[in-house]
Amino acid sequence: MIDVYGIRNCDTVKKARDWLDGKGIEYRFHDFKLEGIDAKTAARWMKALGRDTVINRRGTTWRKLSPAQQAMDSDAAAVSLVMAQPSLVKRPVIDTGKTLTVGFGDEQRQALDAL
């Protein structure tokens, strides 16, 4: 089963969910704005994808952080930050059990089509 992590009202998450529904692909949706992100999951994302891929540095949540918070110097610091501010995660995060991707562009659609 595919796990889709995101925020329900995010346009990119909506596109991904609509695409998955249209293809008849079953998935579980985890709204981390409502349900949060656990440390184990966030740490796995940081290790597999890297902080630069997982953290959204273009959003308003990022711009509201203090310079000290923005200077996170370790994966552990990034994990703590996204647990406190889940909106910092680029969306959607899609976990197929074999692959882990962020965003929903051509590359992500091709990977899902290959399932």
PDB file of N, CA and C in Angstrom:
ATOM      1  N   MET A   1       0.851  -1.189   0.000  1.00  0.00           N
ATOM      2  CA  MET A   1       0.000   0.000   0.000  1.00  0.00           C
ATOM      3  C   MET A   1       0.885   1.236   0.000  1.00  0.00           C
ATOM      4  N   ILE A   2       0.519   2.193  -0.780  1.00  0.00           N
ATOM      5  CA  ILE A   2       1.238   3.455  -0.872  1.00  0.00           C
ATOM      6  C   ILE A   2       0.773   4.383   0.256  1.00  0.00           C
ATOM      7  N   ASP A   3       1.720   5.073   0.857  1.00  0.00           N
ATOM      8  CA  ASP A   3       1.408   6.083   1.863  1.00  0.00           C
ATOM      9  C   ASP A   3       1.700   7.446   1.266  1.00  0.00           C
ATOM     10  N   VAL A   4       0.729   8.329   1.335  1.00  0.00           N
ATOM     11  CA  VAL A   4       0.873   9.699   0.852  1.00  0.00           C
ATOM     12  C   VAL A   4       0.789  10.620   2.066  1.00  0.00           C
ATOM     13  N   TYR A   5       1.858  11.376   2.282  1.00  0.00           N
ATOM     14  CA  TYR A   5       1.929  12.309   3.401  1.00  0.00           C
ATOM     15  C   TYR A   5       1.823  13.727   2.861  1.00  0.00           C
ATOM     16  N   GLY A   6       1.017  14.526   3.510  1.00  0.00           N
ATOM     17  CA  GLY A   6       0.889  15.905   3.078  1.00  0.00           C
ATOM     18  C   GLY A   6      -0.127  16.649   3.908  1.00  0.00           C
ATOM     19  N   ILE A   7      -0.601  17.721   3.326  1.00  0.00           N
ATOM     20  CA  ILE A   7      -1.615  18.560   3.946  1.00  0.00           C
ATOM     21  C   ILE A   7      -2.801  18.592   2.989  1.00  0.00           C
ATOM     22  N   ARG A   8      -3.950  18.296   3.523  1.00  0.00           N
ATOM     23  CA  ARG A   8      -5.159  18.116   2.703  1.00  0.00           C
ATOM     24  C   ARG A   8      -5.413  19.254   1.707  1.00  0.00           C
ATOM     25  N   ASN A   9      -5.203  20.497   2.118  1.00  0.00           N
ATOM     26  CA  ASN A   9      -5.562  21.607   1.232  1.00  0.00           C
ATOM     27  C   ASN A   9      -4.399  22.103   0.364  1.00  0.00           C
ATOM     28  N   CYS A  10      -3.286  21.384   0.340  1.00  0.00           N
ATOM     29  CA  CYS A  10      -2.143  21.735  -0.517  1.00  0.00           C
ATOM     30  C   CYS A  10      -2.480  21.372  -1.966  1.00  0.00           C
ATOM     31  N   ASP A  11      -2.294  22.305  -2.891  1.00  0.00           N
ATOM     32  CA  ASP A  11      -2.628  22.059  -4.297  1.00  0.00           C
ATOM     33  C   ASP A  11      -1.875  20.871  -4.890  1.00  0.00           C
ATOM     34  N   THR A  12      -0.600  20.737  -4.575  1.00  0.00           N
ATOM     35  CA  THR A  12       0.182  19.629  -5.121  1.00  0.00           C
ATOM     36  C   THR A  12      -0.297  18.295  -4.555  1.00  0.00           C
ATOM     37  N   VAL A  13      -0.652  18.282  -3.298  1.00  0.00           N
ATOM     38  CA  VAL A  13      -1.196  17.065  -2.685  1.00  0.00           C
ATOM     39  C   VAL A  13      -2.531  16.724  -3.340  1.00  0.00           C
ATOM     40  N   LYS A  14      -3.365  17.722  -3.585  1.00  0.00           N
ATOM     41  CA  LYS A  14      -4.647  17.478  -4.253  1.00  0.00           C
ATOM     42  C   LYS A  14      -4.427  16.871  -5.632  1.00  0.00           C
ATOM     43  N   LYS A  15      -3.461  17.399  -6.388  1.00  0.00           N
ATOM     44  CA  LYS A  15      -3.159  16.856  -7.724  1.00  0.00           C
ATOM     45  C   LYS A  15      -2.713  15.406  -7.631  1.00  0.00           C
ATOM     46  N   ALA A  16      -1.852  15.123  -6.675  1.00  0.00           N
ATOM     47  CA  ALA A  16      -1.355  13.753  -6.503  1.00  0.00           C
ATOM     48  C   ALA A  16      -2.500  12.810  -6.142  1.00  0.00           C
ATOM     49  N   ARG A  17      -3.319  13.201  -5.216  1.00  0.00           N
ATOM     50  CA  ARG A  17      -4.434  12.346  -4.792  1.00  0.00           C
ATOM     51  C   ARG A  17      -5.443  12.159  -5.919  1.00  0.00           C
ATOM     52  N   ASP A  18      -5.733  13.217  -6.664  1.00  0.00           N
ATOM     53  CA  ASP A  18      -6.646  13.094  -7.811  1.00  0.00           C
ATOM     54  C   ASP A  18      -6.068  12.143  -8.854  1.00  0.00           C
ATOM     55  N   TRP A  19      -4.763  12.250  -9.112  1.00  0.00           N
ATOM     56  CA  TRP A  19      -4.109  11.389 -10.091  1.00  0.00           C
ATOM     57  C   TRP A  19      -4.165   9.932  -9.634  1.00  0.00           C
ATOM     58  N   LEU A  20      -3.838   9.684  -8.365  1.00  0.00           N
ATOM     59  CA  LEU A  20      -3.893   8.326  -7.830  1.00  0.00           C
ATOM     60  C   LEU A  20      -5.307   7.763  -7.899  1.00  0.00           C
ATOM     61  N   ASP A  21      -6.302   8.577  -7.540  1.00  0.00           N
ATOM     62  CA  ASP A  21      -7.701   8.147  -7.614  1.00  0.00           C
ATOM     63  C   ASP A  21      -8.078   7.813  -9.052  1.00  0.00           C
ATOM     64  N   GLY A  22      -7.668   8.669  -9.997  1.00  0.00           N
ATOM     65  CA  GLY A  22      -7.973   8.450 -11.411  1.00  0.00           C
ATOM     66  C   GLY A  22      -7.353   7.184 -11.974  1.00  0.00           C
ATOM     67  N   LYS A  23      -6.214   6.812 -11.441  1.00  0.00           N
ATOM     68  CA  LYS A  23      -5.529   5.582 -11.876  1.00  0.00           C
ATOM     69  C   LYS A  23      -6.016   4.355 -11.114  1.00  0.00           C
ATOM     70  N   GLY A  24      -6.855   4.565 -10.108  1.00  0.00           N
ATOM     71  CA  GLY A  24      -7.346   3.450  -9.309  1.00  0.00           C
ATOM     72  C   GLY A  24      -6.286   2.864  -8.393  1.00  0.00           C
ATOM     73  N   ILE A  25      -5.299   3.678  -8.022  1.00  0.00           N
ATOM     74  CA  ILE A  25      -4.219   3.228  -7.147  1.00  0.00           C
ATOM     75  C   ILE A  25      -4.629   3.471  -5.695  1.00  0.00           C
ATOM     76  N   GLU A  26      -4.620   2.407  -4.911  1.00  0.00           N
ATOM     77  CA  GLU A  26      -4.988   2.540  -3.498  1.00  0.00           C
ATOM     78  C   GLU A  26      -3.846   3.169  -2.714  1.00  0.00           C
ATOM     79  N   TYR A  27      -4.202   3.999  -1.769  1.00  0.00           N
ATOM     80  CA  TYR A  27      -3.205   4.653  -0.920  1.00  0.00           C
ATOM     81  C   TYR A  27      -3.835   5.044   0.403  1.00  0.00           C
ATOM     82  N   ARG A  28      -2.966   5.258   1.382  1.00  0.00           N
ATOM     83  CA  ARG A  28      -3.386   5.818   2.666  1.00  0.00           C
ATOM     84  C   ARG A  28      -2.904   7.260   2.685  1.00  0.00           C
ATOM     85  N   PHE A  29      -3.763   8.164   3.129  1.00  0.00           N
ATOM     86  CA  PHE A  29      -3.377   9.562   3.223  1.00  0.00           C
ATOM     87  C   PHE A  29      -3.127   9.924   4.680  1.00  0.00           C
ATOM     88  N   HIS A  30      -1.973  10.514   4.921  1.00  0.00           N
ATOM     89  CA  HIS A  30      -1.598  10.954   6.263  1.00  0.00           C
ATOM     90  C   HIS A  30      -1.473  12.476   6.232  1.00  0.00           C
ATOM     91  N   ASP A  31      -2.421  13.160   6.823  1.00  0.00           N
ATOM     92  CA  ASP A  31      -2.398  14.621   6.879  1.00  0.00           C
ATOM     93  C   ASP A  31      -1.549  15.030   8.070  1.00  0.00           C
ATOM     94  N   PHE A  32      -0.276  15.386   7.797  1.00  0.00           N
ATOM     95  CA  PHE A  32       0.599  15.682   8.915  1.00  0.00           C
ATOM     96  C   PHE A  32       0.343  17.032   9.547  1.00  0.00           C
ATOM     97  N   LYS A  33      -0.533  17.803   8.992  1.00  0.00           N
ATOM     98  CA  LYS A  33      -0.967  19.032   9.667  1.00  0.00           C
ATOM     99  C   LYS A  33      -1.880  18.667  10.837  1.00  0.00           C
ATOM    100  N   LEU A  34      -2.677  17.622  10.635  1.00  0.00           N
ATOM    101  CA  LEU A  34      -3.596  17.164  11.682  1.00  0.00           C
ATOM    102  C   LEU A  34      -2.998  16.064  12.548  1.00  0.00           C
ATOM    103  N   GLU A  35      -2.234  15.157  11.923  1.00  0.00           N
ATOM    104  CA  GLU A  35      -1.722  13.991  12.625  1.00  0.00           C
ATOM    105  C   GLU A  35      -0.273  14.120  13.074  1.00  0.00           C
ATOM    106  N   GLY A  36       0.408  15.130  12.591  1.00  0.00           N
ATOM    107  CA  GLY A  36       1.805  15.309  12.932  1.00  0.00           C
ATOM    108  C   GLY A  36       2.720  14.339  12.206  1.00  0.00           C
ATOM    109  N   ILE A  37       3.982  14.398  12.557  1.00  0.00           N
ATOM    110  CA  ILE A  37       4.994  13.513  11.990  1.00  0.00           C
ATOM    111  C   ILE A  37       5.775  12.937  13.163  1.00  0.00           C
ATOM    112  N   ASP A  38       5.935  11.631  13.173  1.00  0.00           N
ATOM    113  CA  ASP A  38       6.704  11.036  14.265  1.00  0.00           C
ATOM    114  C   ASP A  38       8.195  11.094  13.943  1.00  0.00           C
ATOM    115  N   ALA A  39       9.008  11.026  14.970  1.00  0.00           N
ATOM    116  CA  ALA A  39      10.459  11.175  14.828  1.00  0.00           C
ATOM    117  C   ALA A  39      11.061  10.094  13.946  1.00  0.00           C
ATOM    118  N   LYS A  40      10.572   8.879  14.068  1.00  0.00           N
ATOM    119  CA  LYS A  40      11.123   7.769  13.282  1.00  0.00           C
ATOM    120  C   LYS A  40      10.903   8.005  11.785  1.00  0.00           C
ATOM    121  N   THR A  41       9.705   8.417  11.416  1.00  0.00           N
ATOM    122  CA  THR A  41       9.391   8.682  10.004  1.00  0.00           C
ATOM    123  C   THR A  41      10.210   9.852   9.485  1.00  0.00           C
ATOM    124  N   ALA A  42      10.246  10.943  10.222  1.00  0.00           N
ATOM    125  CA  ALA A  42      11.007  12.125   9.795  1.00  0.00           C
ATOM    126  C   ALA A  42      12.493  11.796   9.654  1.00  0.00           C
ATOM    127  N   ALA A  43      13.032  11.024  10.579  1.00  0.00           N
ATOM    128  CA  ALA A  43      14.455  10.646  10.505  1.00  0.00           C
ATOM    129  C   ALA A  43      14.725   9.781   9.277  1.00  0.00           C
ATOM    130  N   ARG A  44      13.800   8.894   8.960  1.00  0.00           N
ATOM    131  CA  ARG A  44      13.955   8.047   7.769  1.00  0.00           C
ATOM    132  C   ARG A  44      13.960   8.896   6.505  1.00  0.00           C
ATOM    133  N   TRP A  45      13.072   9.898   6.452  1.00  0.00           N
ATOM    134  CA  TRP A  45      13.047  10.799   5.294  1.00  0.00           C
ATOM    135  C   TRP A  45      14.356  11.562   5.164  1.00  0.00           C
ATOM    136  N   MET A  46      14.864  12.073   6.286  1.00  0.00           N
ATOM    137  CA  MET A  46      16.117  12.845   6.246  1.00  0.00           C
ATOM    138  C   MET A  46      17.276  11.976   5.763  1.00  0.00           C
ATOM    139  N   LYS A  47      17.319  10.743   6.251  1.00  0.00           N
ATOM    140  CA  LYS A  47      18.403   9.841   5.878  1.00  0.00           C
ATOM    141  C   LYS A  47      18.309   9.447   4.400  1.00  0.00           C
ATOM    142  N   ALA A  48      17.112   9.123   3.945  1.00  0.00           N
ATOM    143  CA  ALA A  48      16.923   8.638   2.572  1.00  0.00           C
ATOM    144  C   ALA A  48      16.998   9.747   1.530  1.00  0.00           C
ATOM    145  N   LEU A  49      16.460  10.927   1.870  1.00  0.00           N
ATOM    146  CA  LEU A  49      16.323  11.993   0.881  1.00  0.00           C
ATOM    147  C   LEU A  49      17.223  13.196   1.122  1.00  0.00           C
ATOM    148  N   GLY A  50      17.606  13.404   2.363  1.00  0.00           N
ATOM    149  CA  GLY A  50      18.414  14.567   2.709  1.00  0.00           C
ATOM    150  C   GLY A  50      17.555  15.751   3.112  1.00  0.00           C
ATOM    151  N   ARG A  51      18.106  16.567   3.996  1.00  0.00           N
ATOM    152  CA  ARG A  51      17.375  17.750   4.495  1.00  0.00           C
ATOM    153  C   ARG A  51      16.975  18.694   3.370  1.00  0.00           C
ATOM    154  N   ASP A  52      17.861  18.879   2.404  1.00  0.00           N
ATOM    155  CA  ASP A  52      17.571  19.830   1.330  1.00  0.00           C
ATOM    156  C   ASP A  52      16.375  19.404   0.491  1.00  0.00           C
ATOM    157  N   THR A  53      16.128  18.124   0.391  1.00  0.00           N
ATOM    158  CA  THR A  53      14.977  17.626  -0.363  1.00  0.00           C
ATOM    159  C   THR A  53      13.707  17.698   0.473  1.00  0.00           C
ATOM    160  N   VAL A  54      13.803  17.390   1.738  1.00  0.00           N
ATOM    161  CA  VAL A  54      12.617  17.294   2.600  1.00  0.00           C
ATOM    162  C   VAL A  54      12.105  18.661   3.050  1.00  0.00           C
ATOM    163  N   ILE A  55      13.000  19.577   3.351  1.00  0.00           N
ATOM    164  CA  ILE A  55      12.596  20.874   3.905  1.00  0.00           C
ATOM    165  C   ILE A  55      12.237  21.858   2.791  1.00  0.00           C
ATOM    166  N   ASN A  56      11.067  22.474   2.930  1.00  0.00           N
ATOM    167  CA  ASN A  56      10.601  23.484   1.987  1.00  0.00           C
ATOM    168  C   ASN A  56      11.096  24.854   2.454  1.00  0.00           C
ATOM    169  N   ARG A  57      12.095  25.352   1.759  1.00  0.00           N
ATOM    170  CA  ARG A  57      12.682  26.641   2.135  1.00  0.00           C
ATOM    171  C   ARG A  57      12.051  27.823   1.389  1.00  0.00           C
ATOM    172  N   ARG A  58      10.971  27.562   0.660  1.00  0.00           N
ATOM    173  CA  ARG A  58      10.331  28.644  -0.081  1.00  0.00           C
ATOM    174  C   ARG A  58       9.002  29.093   0.523  1.00  0.00           C
ATOM    175  N   GLY A  59       8.527  28.374   1.510  1.00  0.00           N
ATOM    176  CA  GLY A  59       7.222  28.677   2.076  1.00  0.00           C
ATOM    177  C   GLY A  59       7.256  29.709   3.186  1.00  0.00           C
ATOM    178  N   THR A  60       6.076  30.143   3.567  1.00  0.00           N
ATOM    179  CA  THR A  60       5.968  31.149   4.620  1.00  0.00           C
ATOM    180  C   THR A  60       6.407  30.597   5.975  1.00  0.00           C
ATOM    181  N   THR A  61       6.201  29.308   6.207  1.00  0.00           N
ATOM    182  CA  THR A  61       6.622  28.722   7.486  1.00  0.00           C
ATOM    183  C   THR A  61       8.132  28.863   7.649  1.00  0.00           C
ATOM    184  N   TRP A  62       8.886  28.609   6.582  1.00  0.00           N
ATOM    185  CA  TRP A  62      10.344  28.757   6.619  1.00  0.00           C
ATOM    186  C   TRP A  62      10.737  30.204   6.897  1.00  0.00           C
ATOM    187  N   ARG A  63      10.089  31.128   6.217  1.00  0.00           N
ATOM    188  CA  ARG A  63      10.442  32.540   6.368  1.00  0.00           C
ATOM    189  C   ARG A  63      10.141  33.063   7.772  1.00  0.00           C
ATOM    190  N   LYS A  64       9.219  32.426   8.472  1.00  0.00           N
ATOM    191  CA  LYS A  64       8.882  32.844   9.833  1.00  0.00           C
ATOM    192  C   LYS A  64       9.849  32.306  10.878  1.00  0.00           C
ATOM    193  N   LEU A  65      10.708  31.361  10.500  1.00  0.00           N
ATOM    194  CA  LEU A  65      11.663  30.795  11.451  1.00  0.00           C
ATOM    195  C   LEU A  65      12.772  31.793  11.758  1.00  0.00           C
ATOM    196  N   SER A  66      13.319  31.683  12.939  1.00  0.00           N
ATOM    197  CA  SER A  66      14.462  32.518  13.313  1.00  0.00           C
ATOM    198  C   SER A  66      15.695  32.050  12.534  1.00  0.00           C
ATOM    199  N   PRO A  67      16.690  32.915  12.377  1.00  0.00           N
ATOM    200  CA  PRO A  67      17.926  32.490  11.712  1.00  0.00           C
ATOM    201  C   PRO A  67      18.564  31.268  12.382  1.00  0.00           C
ATOM    202  N   ALA A  68      18.460  31.180  13.699  1.00  0.00           N
ATOM    203  CA  ALA A  68      19.018  30.025  14.410  1.00  0.00           C
ATOM    204  C   ALA A  68      18.295  28.736  14.014  1.00  0.00           C
ATOM    205  N   GLN A  69      16.975  28.816  13.887  1.00  0.00           N
ATOM    206  CA  GLN A  69      16.218  27.639  13.467  1.00  0.00           C
ATOM    207  C   GLN A  69      16.539  27.271  12.020  1.00  0.00           C
ATOM    208  N   GLN A  70      16.670  28.265  11.164  1.00  0.00           N
ATOM    209  CA  GLN A  70      16.977  28.001   9.760  1.00  0.00           C
ATOM    210  C   GLN A  70      18.366  27.410   9.570  1.00  0.00           C
ATOM    211  N   ALA A  71      19.247  27.626  10.519  1.00  0.00           N
ATOM    212  CA  ALA A  71      20.622  27.139  10.419  1.00  0.00           C
ATOM    213  C   ALA A  71      20.765  25.706  10.909  1.00  0.00           C
ATOM    214  N   MET A  72      19.694  24.926  10.909  1.00  0.00           N
ATOM    215  CA  MET A  72      19.777  23.552  11.411  1.00  0.00           C
ATOM    216  C   MET A  72      20.998  22.863  10.820  1.00  0.00           C
ATOM    217  N   ASP A  73      21.805  22.295  11.699  1.00  0.00           N
ATOM    218  CA  ASP A  73      23.094  21.767  11.272  1.00  0.00           C
ATOM    219  C   ASP A  73      23.180  20.250  11.330  1.00  0.00           C
ATOM    220  N   SER A  74      22.053  19.593  11.539  1.00  0.00           N
ATOM    221  CA  SER A  74      22.067  18.130  11.594  1.00  0.00           C
ATOM    222  C   SER A  74      20.687  17.593  11.222  1.00  0.00           C
ATOM    223  N   ASP A  75      20.662  16.316  10.886  1.00  0.00           N
ATOM    224  CA  ASP A  75      19.374  15.688  10.614  1.00  0.00           C
ATOM    225  C   ASP A  75      18.503  15.692  11.859  1.00  0.00           C
ATOM    226  N   ALA A  76      19.120  15.525  13.018  1.00  0.00           N
ATOM    227  CA  ALA A  76      18.350  15.528  14.267  1.00  0.00           C
ATOM    228  C   ALA A  76      17.655  16.870  14.479  1.00  0.00           C
ATOM    229  N   ALA A  77      18.354  17.951  14.168  1.00  0.00           N
ATOM    230  CA  ALA A  77      17.750  19.280  14.285  1.00  0.00           C
ATOM    231  C   ALA A  77      16.604  19.431  13.284  1.00  0.00           C
ATOM    232  N   ALA A  78      16.792  18.914  12.081  1.00  0.00           N
ATOM    233  CA  ALA A  78      15.743  18.979  11.057  1.00  0.00           C
ATOM    234  C   ALA A  78      14.523  18.160  11.479  1.00  0.00           C
ATOM    235  N   VAL A  79      14.756  16.998  12.059  1.00  0.00           N
ATOM    236  CA  VAL A  79      13.653  16.162  12.538  1.00  0.00           C
ATOM    237  C   VAL A  79      12.859  16.903  13.605  1.00  0.00           C
ATOM    238  N   SER A  80      13.535  17.497  14.559  1.00  0.00           N
ATOM    239  CA  SER A  80      12.847  18.262  15.608  1.00  0.00           C
ATOM    240  C   SER A  80      12.036  19.399  15.028  1.00  0.00           C
ATOM    241  N   LEU A  81      12.610  20.059  14.037  1.00  0.00           N
ATOM    242  CA  LEU A  81      11.940  21.199  13.417  1.00  0.00           C
ATOM    243  C   LEU A  81      10.671  20.780  12.676  1.00  0.00           C
ATOM    244  N   VAL A  82      10.730  19.698  11.885  1.00  0.00           N
ATOM    245  CA  VAL A  82       9.530  19.292  11.150  1.00  0.00           C
ATOM    246  C   VAL A  82       8.479  18.673  12.064  1.00  0.00           C
ATOM    247  N   MET A  83       8.903  18.112  13.180  1.00  0.00           N
ATOM    248  CA  MET A  83       7.923  17.613  14.137  1.00  0.00           C
ATOM    249  C   MET A  83       7.156  18.785  14.751  1.00  0.00           C
ATOM    250  N   ALA A  84       7.847  19.883  15.002  1.00  0.00           N
ATOM    251  CA  ALA A  84       7.208  21.068  15.577  1.00  0.00           C
ATOM    252  C   ALA A  84       6.465  21.879  14.523  1.00  0.00           C
ATOM    253  N   GLN A  85       6.966  21.852  13.288  1.00  0.00           N
ATOM    254  CA  GLN A  85       6.398  22.651  12.193  1.00  0.00           C
ATOM    255  C   GLN A  85       6.208  21.754  10.963  1.00  0.00           C
ATOM    256  N   PRO A  86       5.207  20.881  10.934  1.00  0.00           N
ATOM    257  CA  PRO A  86       5.045  19.946   9.816  1.00  0.00           C
ATOM    258  C   PRO A  86       4.890  20.627   8.450  1.00  0.00           C
ATOM    259  N   SER A  87       4.457  21.880   8.436  1.00  0.00           N
ATOM    260  CA  SER A  87       4.307  22.598   7.166  1.00  0.00           C
ATOM    261  C   SER A  87       5.639  22.840   6.468  1.00  0.00           C
ATOM    262  N   LEU A  88       6.748  22.588   7.157  1.00  0.00           N
ATOM    263  CA  LEU A  88       8.071  22.752   6.554  1.00  0.00           C
ATOM    264  C   LEU A  88       8.407  21.643   5.562  1.00  0.00           C
ATOM    265  N   VAL A  89       7.677  20.546   5.591  1.00  0.00           N
ATOM    266  CA  VAL A  89       7.967  19.427   4.706  1.00  0.00           C
ATOM    267  C   VAL A  89       7.413  19.724   3.312  1.00  0.00           C
ATOM    268  N   LYS A  90       8.268  19.524   2.297  1.00  0.00           N
ATOM    269  CA  LYS A  90       7.790  19.628   0.918  1.00  0.00           C
ATOM    270  C   LYS A  90       6.738  18.549   0.717  1.00  0.00           C
ATOM    271  N   ARG A  91       5.781  18.834  -0.145  1.00  0.00           N
ATOM    272  CA  ARG A  91       4.644  17.933  -0.289  1.00  0.00           C
ATOM    273  C   ARG A  91       4.374  17.583  -1.746  1.00  0.00           C
ATOM    274  N   PRO A  92       3.766  16.402  -1.899  1.00  0.00           N
ATOM    275  CA  PRO A  92       3.570  15.321  -0.940  1.00  0.00           C
ATOM    276  C   PRO A  92       4.828  14.456  -0.825  1.00  0.00           C
ATOM    277  N   VAL A  93       4.919  13.726   0.267  1.00  0.00           N
ATOM    278  CA  VAL A  93       5.922  12.672   0.410  1.00  0.00           C
ATOM    279  C   VAL A  93       5.167  11.380   0.102  1.00  0.00           C
ATOM    280  N   ILE A  94       5.673  10.630  -0.871  1.00  0.00           N
ATOM    281  CA  ILE A  94       5.006   9.394  -1.283  1.00  0.00           C
ATOM    282  C   ILE A  94       5.949   8.222  -1.019  1.00  0.00           C
ATOM    283  N   ASP A  95       5.457   7.300  -0.207  1.00  0.00           N
ATOM    284  CA  ASP A  95       6.227   6.115   0.169  1.00  0.00           C
ATOM    285  C   ASP A  95       5.528   4.893  -0.402  1.00  0.00           C
ATOM    286  N   THR A  96       6.166   4.258  -1.395  1.00  0.00           N
ATOM    287  CA  THR A  96       5.574   3.075  -2.018  1.00  0.00           C
ATOM    288  C   THR A  96       5.995   1.788  -1.329  1.00  0.00           C
ATOM    289  N   GLY A  97       6.876   1.894  -0.355  1.00  0.00           N
ATOM    290  CA  GLY A  97       7.444   0.713   0.266  1.00  0.00           C
ATOM    291  C   GLY A  97       8.768   0.336  -0.384  1.00  0.00           C
ATOM    292  N   LYS A  98       8.936   0.753  -1.645  1.00  0.00           N
ATOM    293  CA  LYS A  98      10.181   0.520  -2.373  1.00  0.00           C
ATOM    294  C   LYS A  98      10.893   1.830  -2.679  1.00  0.00           C
ATOM    295  N   THR A  99      10.093   2.871  -2.912  1.00  0.00           N
ATOM    296  CA  THR A  99      10.655   4.185  -3.224  1.00  0.00           C
ATOM    297  C   THR A  99      10.039   5.234  -2.317  1.00  0.00           C
ATOM    298  N   LEU A 100      10.787   6.302  -2.144  1.00  0.00           N
ATOM    299  CA  LEU A 100      10.353   7.431  -1.326  1.00  0.00           C
ATOM    300  C   LEU A 100      10.607   8.680  -2.153  1.00  0.00           C
ATOM    301  N   THR A 101       9.557   9.441  -2.458  1.00  0.00           N
ATOM    302  CA  THR A 101       9.705  10.639  -3.284  1.00  0.00           C
ATOM    303  C   THR A 101       9.031  11.828  -2.617  1.00  0.00           C
ATOM    304  N   VAL A 102       9.451  13.009  -3.065  1.00  0.00           N
ATOM    305  CA  VAL A 102       8.867  14.261  -2.578  1.00  0.00           C
ATOM    306  C   VAL A 102       8.437  15.069  -3.789  1.00  0.00           C
ATOM    307  N   GLY A 103       7.252  15.657  -3.709  1.00  0.00           N
ATOM    308  CA  GLY A 103       6.726  16.444  -4.807  1.00  0.00           C
ATOM    309  C   GLY A 103       5.881  15.568  -5.716  1.00  0.00           C
ATOM    310  N   PHE A 104       5.336  16.176  -6.765  1.00  0.00           N
ATOM    311  CA  PHE A 104       4.516  15.398  -7.699  1.00  0.00           C
ATOM    312  C   PHE A 104       4.660  15.960  -9.101  1.00  0.00           C
ATOM    313  N   GLY A 105       5.791  15.637  -9.704  1.00  0.00           N
ATOM    314  CA  GLY A 105       6.057  16.029 -11.074  1.00  0.00           C
ATOM    315  C   GLY A 105       6.102  14.800 -11.956  1.00  0.00           C
ATOM    316  N   ASP A 106       6.639  14.968 -13.156  1.00  0.00           N
ATOM    317  CA  ASP A 106       6.717  13.869 -14.116  1.00  0.00           C
ATOM    318  C   ASP A 106       7.468  12.661 -13.556  1.00  0.00           C
ATOM    319  N   GLU A 107       8.570  12.918 -12.875  1.00  0.00           N
ATOM    320  CA  GLU A 107       9.386  11.833 -12.335  1.00  0.00           C
ATOM    321  C   GLU A 107       8.598  10.977 -11.342  1.00  0.00           C
ATOM    322  N   GLN A 108       7.843  11.623 -10.479  1.00  0.00           N
ATOM    323  CA  GLN A 108       7.065  10.905  -9.476  1.00  0.00           C
ATOM    324  C   GLN A 108       5.925  10.121 -10.134  1.00  0.00           C
ATOM    325  N   ARG A 109       5.273  10.737 -11.133  1.00  0.00           N
ATOM    326  CA  ARG A 109       4.186  10.031 -11.838  1.00  0.00           C
ATOM    327  C   ARG A 109       4.720   8.811 -12.571  1.00  0.00           C
ATOM    328  N   GLN A 110       5.864   8.927 -13.207  1.00  0.00           N
ATOM    329  CA  GLN A 110       6.467   7.796 -13.924  1.00  0.00           C
ATOM    330  C   GLN A 110       6.807   6.665 -12.958  1.00  0.00           C
ATOM    331  N   ALA A 111       7.328   7.020 -11.810  1.00  0.00           N
ATOM    332  CA  ALA A 111       7.671   5.999 -10.813  1.00  0.00           C
ATOM    333  C   ALA A 111       6.413   5.265 -10.339  1.00  0.00           C
ATOM    334  N   LEU A 112       5.328   5.997 -10.162  1.00  0.00           N
ATOM    335  CA  LEU A 112       4.073   5.365  -9.727  1.00  0.00           C
ATOM    336  C   LEU A 112       3.442   4.555 -10.848  1.00  0.00           C
ATOM    337  N   ASP A 113       3.575   5.014 -12.078  1.00  0.00           N
ATOM    338  CA  ASP A 113       3.048   4.257 -13.222  1.00  0.00           C
ATOM    339  C   ASP A 113       3.737   2.904 -13.362  1.00  0.00           C
ATOM    340  N   ALA A 114       4.990   2.830 -12.902  1.00  0.00           N
ATOM    341  CA  ALA A 114       5.776   1.602 -13.031  1.00  0.00           C
ATOM    342  C   ALA A 114       5.377   0.542 -11.999  1.00  0.00           C
ATOM    343  N   LEU A 115       4.538   0.896 -11.048  1.00  0.00           N
ATOM    344  CA  LEU A 115       4.140  -0.072 -10.000  1.00  0.00           C
ATOM    345  C   LEU A 115       3.222  -1.143 -10.546  1.00  0.00           C
TER     346      LEU A 115
END
